[in-house]
PDB file of all heavy atoms in Angstrom:
ATOM      1  N   VAL A   1      -8.516   2.390  -5.756  1.00  0.00           N
ATOM      2  CA  VAL A   1      -7.895   1.093  -5.303  1.00  0.00           C
ATOM      3  C   VAL A   1      -7.766   1.130  -3.830  1.00  0.00           C
ATOM      4  O   VAL A   1      -7.291   2.069  -3.263  1.00  0.00           O
ATOM      5  CB  VAL A   1      -6.445   0.871  -5.934  1.00  0.00           C
ATOM      6  CG1 VAL A   1      -5.847  -0.412  -5.389  1.00  0.00           C
ATOM      7  CG2 VAL A   1      -6.552   0.814  -7.401  1.00  0.00           C
ATOM      8  N   ARG A   2      -8.251   0.021  -3.141  1.00  0.00           N
ATOM      9  CA  ARG A   2      -8.159  -0.108  -1.659  1.00  0.00           C
ATOM     10  C   ARG A   2      -7.428  -1.428  -1.431  1.00  0.00           C
ATOM     11  O   ARG A   2      -7.882  -2.440  -1.870  1.00  0.00           O
ATOM     12  CB  ARG A   2      -9.519  -0.071  -1.015  1.00  0.00           C
ATOM     13  CG  ARG A   2     -10.212   1.287  -1.238  1.00  0.00           C
ATOM     14  CD  ARG A   2     -11.547   1.286  -0.493  1.00  0.00           C
ATOM     15  NE  ARG A   2     -12.189   2.612  -0.675  1.00  0.00           N
ATOM     16  CZ  ARG A   2     -13.233   2.943  -0.081  1.00  0.00           C
ATOM     17  NH1 ARG A   2     -13.827   2.184   0.918  1.00  0.00           N
ATOM     18  NH2 ARG A   2     -13.801   4.139  -0.268  1.00  0.00           N
ATOM     19  N   LEU A   3      -6.422  -1.416  -0.705  1.00  0.00           N
ATOM     20  CA  LEU A   3      -5.573  -2.583  -0.414  1.00  0.00           C
ATOM     21  C   LEU A   3      -5.656  -2.836   1.128  1.00  0.00           C
ATOM     22  O   LEU A   3      -5.606  -1.976   1.909  1.00  0.00           O
ATOM     23  CB  LEU A   3      -4.099  -2.376  -0.707  1.00  0.00           C
ATOM     24  CG  LEU A   3      -3.855  -2.092  -2.279  1.00  0.00           C
ATOM     25  CD1 LEU A   3      -2.360  -1.819  -2.454  1.00  0.00           C
ATOM     26  CD2 LEU A   3      -4.394  -3.217  -3.134  1.00  0.00           C
ATOM     27  N   VAL A   4      -5.937  -4.069   1.422  1.00  0.00           N
ATOM     28  CA  VAL A   4      -5.970  -4.499   2.839  1.00  0.00           C
ATOM     29  C   VAL A   4      -4.639  -4.968   3.329  1.00  0.00           C
ATOM     30  O   VAL A   4      -3.991  -5.716   2.641  1.00  0.00           O
ATOM     31  CB  VAL A   4      -7.022  -5.797   2.944  1.00  0.00           C
ATOM     32  CG1 VAL A   4      -7.123  -6.226   4.315  1.00  0.00           C
ATOM     33  CG2 VAL A   4      -8.387  -5.372   2.484  1.00  0.00           C
ATOM     34  N   VAL A   5      -4.276  -4.410   4.428  1.00  0.00           N
ATOM     35  CA  VAL A   5      -2.986  -4.679   5.022  1.00  0.00           C
ATOM     36  C   VAL A   5      -3.146  -5.075   6.530  1.00  0.00           C
ATOM     37  O   VAL A   5      -4.155  -4.667   7.143  1.00  0.00           O
ATOM     38  CB  VAL A   5      -2.038  -3.382   4.999  1.00  0.00           C
ATOM     39  CG1 VAL A   5      -1.791  -3.063   3.546  1.00  0.00           C
ATOM     40  CG2 VAL A   5      -2.576  -2.317   5.773  1.00  0.00           C
ATOM     41  N   PRO A   6      -2.284  -5.769   7.086  1.00  0.00           N
ATOM     42  CA  PRO A   6      -2.335  -6.164   8.562  1.00  0.00           C
ATOM     43  C   PRO A   6      -2.351  -4.939   9.387  1.00  0.00           C
ATOM     44  O   PRO A   6      -1.621  -3.919   9.056  1.00  0.00           O
ATOM     45  CB  PRO A   6      -1.093  -7.084   8.723  1.00  0.00           C
ATOM     46  CG  PRO A   6      -0.767  -7.632   7.423  1.00  0.00           C
ATOM     47  CD  PRO A   6      -1.168  -6.567   6.427  1.00  0.00           C
ATOM     48  N   ALA A   7      -2.933  -4.997  10.534  1.00  0.00           N
ATOM     49  CA  ALA A   7      -2.980  -3.900  11.432  1.00  0.00           C
ATOM     50  C   ALA A   7      -1.568  -3.685  12.075  1.00  0.00           C
ATOM     51  O   ALA A   7      -1.264  -2.436  12.429  1.00  0.00           O
ATOM     52  CB  ALA A   7      -4.045  -4.062  12.593  1.00  0.00           C
ATOM     53  N   GLY A   8      -0.764  -4.653  12.121  1.00  0.00           N
ATOM     54  CA  GLY A   8       0.545  -4.528  12.692  1.00  0.00           C
ATOM     55  C   GLY A   8       1.568  -3.980  11.832  1.00  0.00           C
ATOM     56  O   GLY A   8       2.769  -3.822  12.249  1.00  0.00           O
ATOM     57  N   TRP A   9       1.323  -3.741  10.588  1.00  0.00           N
ATOM     58  CA  TRP A   9       2.312  -3.218   9.621  1.00  0.00           C
ATOM     59  C   TRP A   9       2.705  -1.738   9.996  1.00  0.00           C
ATOM     60  O   TRP A   9       1.818  -0.907  10.321  1.00  0.00           O
ATOM     61  CB  TRP A   9       1.739  -3.288   8.243  1.00  0.00           C
ATOM     62  CG  TRP A   9       1.989  -4.542   7.514  1.00  0.00           C
ATOM     63  CD1 TRP A   9       2.296  -5.752   8.130  1.00  0.00           C
ATOM     64  CD2 TRP A   9       2.089  -4.816   6.107  1.00  0.00           C
ATOM     65  NE1 TRP A   9       2.460  -6.673   7.139  1.00  0.00           N
ATOM     66  CE2 TRP A   9       2.318  -6.116   5.943  1.00  0.00           C
ATOM     67  CE3 TRP A   9       1.845  -4.007   4.983  1.00  0.00           C
ATOM     68  CZ2 TRP A   9       2.512  -6.728   4.698  1.00  0.00           C
ATOM     69  CZ3 TRP A   9       2.077  -4.610   3.737  1.00  0.00           C
ATOM     70  CH2 TRP A   9       2.337  -5.942   3.582  1.00  0.00           C
ATOM     71  N   GLY A  10       3.998  -1.490   9.982  1.00  0.00           N
ATOM     72  CA  GLY A  10       4.452  -0.151  10.358  1.00  0.00           C
ATOM     73  C   GLY A  10       4.585   0.649   9.019  1.00  0.00           C
ATOM     74  O   GLY A  10       4.219   0.230   7.930  1.00  0.00           O
ATOM     75  N   PRO A  11       5.112   1.888   9.114  1.00  0.00           N
ATOM     76  CA  PRO A  11       5.285   2.753   8.020  1.00  0.00           C
ATOM     77  C   PRO A  11       6.115   2.161   6.807  1.00  0.00           C
ATOM     78  O   PRO A  11       5.808   2.408   5.652  1.00  0.00           O
ATOM     79  CB  PRO A  11       5.965   4.085   8.533  1.00  0.00           C
ATOM     80  CG  PRO A  11       5.597   3.930  10.041  1.00  0.00           C
ATOM     81  CD  PRO A  11       5.571   2.585  10.371  1.00  0.00           C
ATOM     82  N   ARG A  12       7.115   1.448   7.140  1.00  0.00           N
ATOM     83  CA  ARG A  12       8.057   0.846   6.112  1.00  0.00           C
ATOM     84  C   ARG A  12       7.292  -0.014   5.209  1.00  0.00           C
ATOM     85  O   ARG A  12       7.395   0.050   4.008  1.00  0.00           O
ATOM     86  CB  ARG A  12       9.250   0.230   6.694  1.00  0.00           C
ATOM     87  CG  ARG A  12      10.265  -0.296   5.705  1.00  0.00           C
ATOM     88  CD  ARG A  12      11.461  -0.864   6.420  1.00  0.00           C
ATOM     89  NE  ARG A  12      11.037  -2.056   7.281  1.00  0.00           N
ATOM     90  CZ  ARG A  12      10.987  -3.267   6.728  1.00  0.00           C
ATOM     91  NH1 ARG A  12      11.108  -3.486   5.491  1.00  0.00           N
ATOM     92  NH2 ARG A  12      10.602  -4.239   7.599  1.00  0.00           N
ATOM     93  N   ARG A  13       6.550  -0.987   5.794  1.00  0.00           N
ATOM     94  CA  ARG A  13       5.831  -1.958   5.065  1.00  0.00           C
ATOM     95  C   ARG A  13       4.655  -1.288   4.255  1.00  0.00           C
ATOM     96  O   ARG A  13       4.372  -1.647   3.003  1.00  0.00           O
ATOM     97  CB  ARG A  13       5.246  -3.081   5.911  1.00  0.00           C
ATOM     98  CG  ARG A  13       6.332  -3.999   6.357  1.00  0.00           C
ATOM     99  CD  ARG A  13       5.771  -5.047   7.233  1.00  0.00           C
ATOM    100  NE  ARG A  13       6.741  -6.168   7.614  1.00  0.00           N
ATOM    101  CZ  ARG A  13       6.493  -7.217   8.399  1.00  0.00           C
ATOM    102  NH1 ARG A  13       5.274  -7.361   8.805  1.00  0.00           N
ATOM    103  NH2 ARG A  13       7.445  -8.012   8.637  1.00  0.00           N
ATOM    104  N   ARG A  14       4.001  -0.276   4.848  1.00  0.00           N
ATOM    105  CA  ARG A  14       2.919   0.348   4.154  1.00  0.00           C
ATOM    106  C   ARG A  14       3.451   1.156   2.957  1.00  0.00           C
ATOM    107  O   ARG A  14       2.844   1.250   1.904  1.00  0.00           O
ATOM    108  CB  ARG A  14       2.201   1.251   5.084  1.00  0.00           C
ATOM    109  CG  ARG A  14       1.437   0.528   6.228  1.00  0.00           C
ATOM    110  CD  ARG A  14       0.879   1.401   7.228  1.00  0.00           C
ATOM    111  NE  ARG A  14       0.417   0.600   8.391  1.00  0.00           N
ATOM    112  CZ  ARG A  14      -0.909   0.472   8.730  1.00  0.00           C
ATOM    113  NH1 ARG A  14      -1.825   1.051   7.915  1.00  0.00           N
ATOM    114  NH2 ARG A  14      -1.280  -0.217   9.697  1.00  0.00           N
ATOM    115  N   THR A  15       4.598   1.781   3.159  1.00  0.00           N
ATOM    116  CA  THR A  15       5.178   2.489   2.010  1.00  0.00           C
ATOM    117  C   THR A  15       5.627   1.581   0.909  1.00  0.00           C
ATOM    118  O   THR A  15       5.389   1.857  -0.302  1.00  0.00           O
ATOM    119  CB  THR A  15       6.451   3.295   2.535  1.00  0.00           C
ATOM    120  OG1 THR A  15       6.051   4.161   3.503  1.00  0.00           O
ATOM    121  CG2 THR A  15       7.148   4.018   1.373  1.00  0.00           C
ATOM    122  N   TRP A  16       6.099   0.403   1.312  1.00  0.00           N
ATOM    123  CA  TRP A  16       6.487  -0.647   0.240  1.00  0.00           C
ATOM    124  C   TRP A  16       5.238  -1.067  -0.513  1.00  0.00           C
ATOM    125  O   TRP A  16       5.252  -1.183  -1.753  1.00  0.00           O
ATOM    126  CB  TRP A  16       7.112  -1.800   0.986  1.00  0.00           C
ATOM    127  CG  TRP A  16       7.361  -3.000   0.130  1.00  0.00           C
ATOM    128  CD1 TRP A  16       8.444  -3.208  -0.719  1.00  0.00           C
ATOM    129  CD2 TRP A  16       6.582  -4.218   0.004  1.00  0.00           C
ATOM    130  NE1 TRP A  16       8.358  -4.403  -1.306  1.00  0.00           N
ATOM    131  CE2 TRP A  16       7.226  -5.048  -0.949  1.00  0.00           C
ATOM    132  CE3 TRP A  16       5.386  -4.556   0.536  1.00  0.00           C
ATOM    133  CZ2 TRP A  16       6.714  -6.264  -1.262  1.00  0.00           C
ATOM    134  CZ3 TRP A  16       4.912  -5.809   0.200  1.00  0.00           C
ATOM    135  CH2 TRP A  16       5.523  -6.719  -0.741  1.00  0.00           C
ATOM    136  N   MET A  17       4.135  -1.145   0.075  1.00  0.00           N
ATOM    137  CA  MET A  17       2.884  -1.625  -0.533  1.00  0.00           C
ATOM    138  C   MET A  17       2.439  -0.531  -1.565  1.00  0.00           C
ATOM    139  O   MET A  17       2.050  -0.764  -2.650  1.00  0.00           O
ATOM    140  CB  MET A  17       1.802  -1.865   0.526  1.00  0.00           C
ATOM    141  CG  MET A  17       0.369  -2.202  -0.110  1.00  0.00           C
ATOM    142  SD  MET A  17       0.408  -3.727  -1.082  1.00  0.00           S
ATOM    143  CE  MET A  17       0.323  -4.988   0.299  1.00  0.00           C
ATOM    144  N   ARG A  18       2.556   0.736  -1.109  1.00  0.00           N
ATOM    145  CA  ARG A  18       2.132   1.841  -1.953  1.00  0.00           C
ATOM    146  C   ARG A  18       3.053   1.937  -3.198  1.00  0.00           C
ATOM    147  O   ARG A  18       2.635   2.271  -4.281  1.00  0.00           O
ATOM    148  CB  ARG A  18       2.168   3.185  -1.225  1.00  0.00           C
ATOM    149  CG  ARG A  18       1.108   3.371  -0.174  1.00  0.00           C
ATOM    150  CD  ARG A  18       1.078   4.775   0.386  1.00  0.00           C
ATOM    151  NE  ARG A  18      -0.076   4.988   1.274  1.00  0.00           N
ATOM    152  CZ  ARG A  18      -0.025   4.785   2.578  1.00  0.00           C
ATOM    153  NH1 ARG A  18       1.129   4.468   3.146  1.00  0.00           N
ATOM    154  NH2 ARG A  18      -1.123   4.973   3.426  1.00  0.00           N
ATOM    155  N   HIS A  19       4.366   1.665  -2.984  1.00  0.00           N
ATOM    156  CA  HIS A  19       5.257   1.670  -4.171  1.00  0.00           C
ATOM    157  C   HIS A  19       4.853   0.505  -5.129  1.00  0.00           C
ATOM    158  O   HIS A  19       4.966   0.836  -6.371  1.00  0.00           O
ATOM    159  CB  HIS A  19       6.667   1.435  -3.681  1.00  0.00           C
ATOM    160  CG  HIS A  19       7.315   2.676  -3.016  1.00  0.00           C
ATOM    161  ND1 HIS A  19       8.486   2.666  -2.262  1.00  0.00           N
ATOM    162  CD2 HIS A  19       6.839   4.030  -3.009  1.00  0.00           C
ATOM    163  CE1 HIS A  19       8.729   3.884  -1.871  1.00  0.00           C
ATOM    164  NE2 HIS A  19       7.789   4.701  -2.257  1.00  0.00           N
ATOM    165  N   ALA A  20       4.511  -0.597  -4.597  1.00  0.00           N
ATOM    166  CA  ALA A  20       4.154  -1.662  -5.548  1.00  0.00           C
ATOM    167  C   ALA A  20       3.012  -1.271  -6.273  1.00  0.00           C
ATOM    168  O   ALA A  20       2.819  -1.513  -7.487  1.00  0.00           O
ATOM    169  CB  ALA A  20       3.953  -2.942  -4.775  1.00  0.00           C
ATOM    170  N   ALA A  21       1.943  -0.635  -5.636  1.00  0.00           N
ATOM    171  CA  ALA A  21       0.721  -0.279  -6.352  1.00  0.00           C
ATOM    172  C   ALA A  21       0.969   0.767  -7.374  1.00  0.00           C
ATOM    173  O   ALA A  21       0.430   0.824  -8.514  1.00  0.00           O
ATOM    174  CB  ALA A  21      -0.326   0.220  -5.315  1.00  0.00           C
ATOM    175  N   HIS A  22       1.787   1.752  -7.067  1.00  0.00           N
ATOM    176  CA  HIS A  22       2.267   2.783  -8.023  1.00  0.00           C
ATOM    177  C   HIS A  22       2.921   2.202  -9.208  1.00  0.00           C
ATOM    178  O   HIS A  22       2.641   2.661 -10.374  1.00  0.00           O
ATOM    179  CB  HIS A  22       3.074   3.857  -7.305  1.00  0.00           C
ATOM    180  CG  HIS A  22       3.504   4.954  -8.190  1.00  0.00           C
ATOM    181  ND1 HIS A  22       2.562   5.924  -8.605  1.00  0.00           N
ATOM    182  CD2 HIS A  22       4.650   5.307  -8.761  1.00  0.00           C
ATOM    183  CE1 HIS A  22       3.154   6.771  -9.402  1.00  0.00           C
ATOM    184  NE2 HIS A  22       4.423   6.399  -9.516  1.00  0.00           N
ATOM    185  N   ARG A  23       3.799   1.219  -8.982  1.00  0.00           N
ATOM    186  CA  ARG A  23       4.517   0.645 -10.063  1.00  0.00           C
ATOM    187  C   ARG A  23       3.574  -0.201 -10.971  1.00  0.00           C
ATOM    188  O   ARG A  23       3.839  -0.313 -12.168  1.00  0.00           O
ATOM    189  CB  ARG A  23       5.664  -0.211  -9.529  1.00  0.00           C
ATOM    190  CG  ARG A  23       6.710  -0.671 -10.602  1.00  0.00           C
ATOM    191  CD  ARG A  23       7.854  -1.225  -9.939  1.00  0.00           C
ATOM    192  NE  ARG A  23       8.621  -0.227  -9.162  1.00  0.00           N
ATOM    193  CZ  ARG A  23       9.770  -0.494  -8.518  1.00  0.00           C
ATOM    194  NH1 ARG A  23      10.326  -1.707  -8.614  1.00  0.00           N
ATOM    195  NH2 ARG A  23      10.386   0.436  -7.810  1.00  0.00           N
ATOM    196  N   ALA A  24       2.510  -0.703 -10.391  1.00  0.00           N
ATOM    197  CA  ALA A  24       1.569  -1.411 -11.183  1.00  0.00           C
ATOM    198  C   ALA A  24       0.627  -0.523 -11.919  1.00  0.00           C
ATOM    199  O   ALA A  24      -0.327  -1.052 -12.649  1.00  0.00           O
ATOM    200  CB  ALA A  24       0.716  -2.315 -10.205  1.00  0.00           C
ATOM    201  N   GLY A  25       0.758   0.782 -11.786  1.00  0.00           N
ATOM    202  CA  GLY A  25      -0.121   1.735 -12.560  1.00  0.00           C
ATOM    203  C   GLY A  25      -1.392   1.963 -11.891  1.00  0.00           C
ATOM    204  O   GLY A  25      -2.408   2.441 -12.490  1.00  0.00           O
ATOM    205  N   LEU A  26      -1.497   1.772 -10.562  1.00  0.00           N
ATOM    206  CA  LEU A  26      -2.660   1.979  -9.786  1.00  0.00           C
ATOM    207  C   LEU A  26      -2.832   3.290  -9.070  1.00  0.00           C
ATOM    208  O   LEU A  26      -3.804   3.467  -8.254  1.00  0.00           O
ATOM    209  CB  LEU A  26      -2.976   0.739  -8.739  1.00  0.00           C
ATOM    210  CG  LEU A  26      -3.023  -0.585  -9.462  1.00  0.00           C
ATOM    211  CD1 LEU A  26      -3.102  -1.638  -8.425  1.00  0.00           C
ATOM    212  CD2 LEU A  26      -4.057  -0.670 -10.505  1.00  0.00           C
ATOM    213  N   GLY A  27      -1.815   4.138  -9.201  1.00  0.00           N
ATOM    214  CA  GLY A  27      -1.859   5.375  -8.537  1.00  0.00           C
ATOM    215  C   GLY A  27      -1.598   5.225  -7.068  1.00  0.00           C
ATOM    216  O   GLY A  27      -0.806   4.358  -6.594  1.00  0.00           O
ATOM    217  N   GLN A  28      -2.142   6.122  -6.203  1.00  0.00           N
ATOM    218  CA  GLN A  28      -1.959   6.093  -4.777  1.00  0.00           C
ATOM    219  C   GLN A  28      -3.128   5.371  -4.113  1.00  0.00           C
ATOM    220  O   GLN A  28      -4.256   5.875  -4.126  1.00  0.00           O
ATOM    221  CB  GLN A  28      -1.863   7.460  -4.202  1.00  0.00           C
ATOM    222  CG  GLN A  28      -0.523   8.097  -4.490  1.00  0.00           C
ATOM    223  CD  GLN A  28       0.627   7.384  -3.899  1.00  0.00           C
ATOM    224  OE1 GLN A  28       0.582   6.748  -2.857  1.00  0.00           O
ATOM    225  NE2 GLN A  28       1.687   7.365  -4.705  1.00  0.00           N
ATOM    226  N   PRO A  29      -2.905   4.090  -3.728  1.00  0.00           N
ATOM    227  CA  PRO A  29      -4.109   3.396  -3.153  1.00  0.00           C
ATOM    228  C   PRO A  29      -4.416   3.778  -1.732  1.00  0.00           C
ATOM    229  O   PRO A  29      -3.638   4.389  -1.091  1.00  0.00           O
ATOM    230  CB  PRO A  29      -3.581   1.926  -3.161  1.00  0.00           C
ATOM    231  CG  PRO A  29      -2.128   2.081  -2.908  1.00  0.00           C
ATOM    232  CD  PRO A  29      -1.673   3.330  -3.611  1.00  0.00           C
ATOM    233  N   THR A  30      -5.627   3.431  -1.240  1.00  0.00           N
ATOM    234  CA  THR A  30      -6.043   3.604   0.152  1.00  0.00           C
ATOM    235  C   THR A  30      -5.773   2.302   0.840  1.00  0.00           C
ATOM    236  O   THR A  30      -6.275   1.257   0.471  1.00  0.00           O
ATOM    237  CB  THR A  30      -7.504   3.934   0.217  1.00  0.00           C
ATOM    238  OG1 THR A  30      -7.752   5.199  -0.510  1.00  0.00           O
ATOM    239  CG2 THR A  30      -8.000   4.188   1.712  1.00  0.00           C
ATOM    240  N   LEU A  31      -4.948   2.350   1.921  1.00  0.00           N
ATOM    241  CA  LEU A  31      -4.671   1.125   2.695  1.00  0.00           C
ATOM    242  C   LEU A  31      -5.620   1.087   3.795  1.00  0.00           C
ATOM    243  O   LEU A  31      -5.806   1.992   4.629  1.00  0.00           O
ATOM    244  CB  LEU A  31      -3.201   1.273   3.253  1.00  0.00           C
ATOM    245  CG  LEU A  31      -2.092   1.363   2.251  1.00  0.00           C
ATOM    246  CD1 LEU A  31      -0.745   1.245   2.937  1.00  0.00           C
ATOM    247  CD2 LEU A  31      -2.237   0.325   1.091  1.00  0.00           C
ATOM    248  N   VAL A  32      -6.326  -0.041   3.935  1.00  0.00           N
ATOM    249  CA  VAL A  32      -7.246  -0.363   5.042  1.00  0.00           C
ATOM    250  C   VAL A  32      -6.803  -1.531   5.808  1.00  0.00           C
ATOM    251  O   VAL A  32      -6.451  -2.571   5.255  1.00  0.00           O
ATOM    252  CB  VAL A  32      -8.655  -0.747   4.331  1.00  0.00           C
ATOM    253  CG1 VAL A  32      -9.680  -0.927   5.425  1.00  0.00           C
ATOM    254  CG2 VAL A  32      -9.138   0.313   3.418  1.00  0.00           C
TER     255      VAL A  32
END
């Protein structure tokens, strides 16, 4: 799984995105 995120997102928002992917059963995604 690769998820596209804005370049201006900081660690907090990126962590939030990873938590959502993990809760959806997608494991640890790669954020691009």
